[in-house]
């Protein structure tokens, strides 16, 4: 999976705090989103709460989210032009 794709998945999961909502917002199957999420979960950037299915960011994940959110949003705006 491309780094840009996994970054988009990460940003959307962080915003929605939900893997399924993030995948739907990106127009991809949940299984594809889950693959990208697993990449981030292995880096300890985020963690799942199994009993609520809610995803939360660790301090490391919050820092990365703050760094990549704006550039990815600008890229998306340029792509739509």
Protein backbone atom coordinates (compact mmCIF):
# COMPACT_ATOMS: atom_id res chain seq x y z
CA UNK A 1 0.00 0.00 0.00
CA UNK A 2 1.36 3.43 -0.92
CA UNK A 3 2.51 5.73 1.86
CA UNK A 4 0.14 8.49 0.76
CA UNK A 5 -2.79 6.08 0.96
CA UNK A 6 -1.90 4.91 4.44
CA UNK A 7 -1.42 8.53 5.50
CA UNK A 8 -4.91 9.39 4.26
CA UNK A 9 -6.30 6.40 6.12
CA UNK A 10 -4.48 7.49 9.28
CA UNK A 11 -5.76 11.08 9.06
CA UNK A 12 -9.35 9.96 8.48
CA UNK A 13 -9.24 7.35 11.23
CA UNK A 14 -7.88 10.01 13.58
CA UNK A 15 -10.62 12.47 12.62
CA UNK A 16 -13.51 10.01 12.81
CA UNK A 17 -12.05 7.83 15.60
CA UNK A 18 -13.50 4.95 13.61
CA UNK A 19 -12.01 2.67 10.98
CA UNK A 20 -15.33 1.96 9.26
CA UNK A 21 -16.34 5.63 9.04
CA UNK A 22 -12.87 6.54 7.78
CA UNK A 23 -13.02 3.88 5.07
CA UNK A 24 -16.49 5.01 3.99
CA UNK A 25 -15.36 8.64 3.82
CA UNK A 26 -12.50 7.59 1.52
CA UNK A 27 -14.79 5.42 -0.61
CA UNK A 28 -12.85 2.25 0.09
CA UNK A 29 -13.78 -1.13 1.52
CA UNK A 30 -13.28 -1.46 5.26
CA UNK A 31 -10.79 -4.28 4.61
CA UNK A 32 -8.56 -1.89 2.62
CA UNK A 33 -8.78 0.70 5.37
CA UNK A 34 -7.97 -1.96 7.94
CA UNK A 35 -4.75 -2.79 6.09
CA UNK A 36 -3.64 0.83 6.26
CA UNK A 37 -4.69 1.11 9.86
CA UNK A 38 -2.65 -1.95 10.83
CA UNK A 39 0.45 -0.18 9.48
CA UNK A 40 -0.15 2.68 11.92
CA UNK A 41 -1.15 0.44 14.77
CA UNK A 42 2.21 -1.34 14.53
CA UNK A 43 4.02 1.99 14.92
CA UNK A 44 2.16 2.70 18.16
CA UNK A 45 0.61 5.82 16.63
CA UNK A 46 -2.91 4.69 17.48
CA UNK A 47 -4.72 1.98 19.36
CA UNK A 48 -8.13 0.38 19.27
CA UNK A 49 -10.49 -0.12 22.13
CA UNK A 50 -11.98 -3.50 21.34
CA UNK A 51 -15.04 -3.10 23.52
CA UNK A 52 -16.09 0.19 21.85
CA UNK A 53 -14.37 -0.18 18.46
CA UNK A 54 -13.16 3.36 18.98
CA UNK A 55 -9.72 4.33 17.78
CA UNK A 56 -7.63 6.76 19.81
CA UNK A 57 -4.28 8.35 19.08
CA UNK A 58 -1.25 8.02 21.25
CA UNK A 59 0.87 11.11 21.91
CA UNK A 60 3.10 10.03 19.01
CA UNK A 61 0.06 9.61 16.78
CA UNK A 62 -1.36 13.02 17.73
CA UNK A 63 1.98 14.66 16.88
CA UNK A 64 2.09 12.95 13.47
CA UNK A 65 -1.56 13.83 12.81
CA UNK A 66 -0.87 17.50 13.51
CA UNK A 67 2.12 17.44 11.16
CA UNK A 68 0.49 15.69 8.20
CA UNK A 69 -3.13 16.87 8.26
CA UNK A 70 -2.60 20.27 6.59
CA UNK A 71 -0.23 19.11 3.81
CA UNK A 72 -2.53 16.21 2.92
CA UNK A 73 -5.55 18.53 2.84
CA UNK A 74 -3.69 20.89 0.49
CA UNK A 75 -2.75 17.96 -1.76
CA UNK A 76 -6.36 16.86 -1.91
CA UNK A 77 -7.49 20.38 -2.91
CA UNK A 78 -4.87 20.47 -5.66
CA UNK A 79 -5.92 17.02 -6.89
CA UNK A 80 -9.53 18.23 -7.25
CA UNK A 81 -8.52 21.21 -9.44
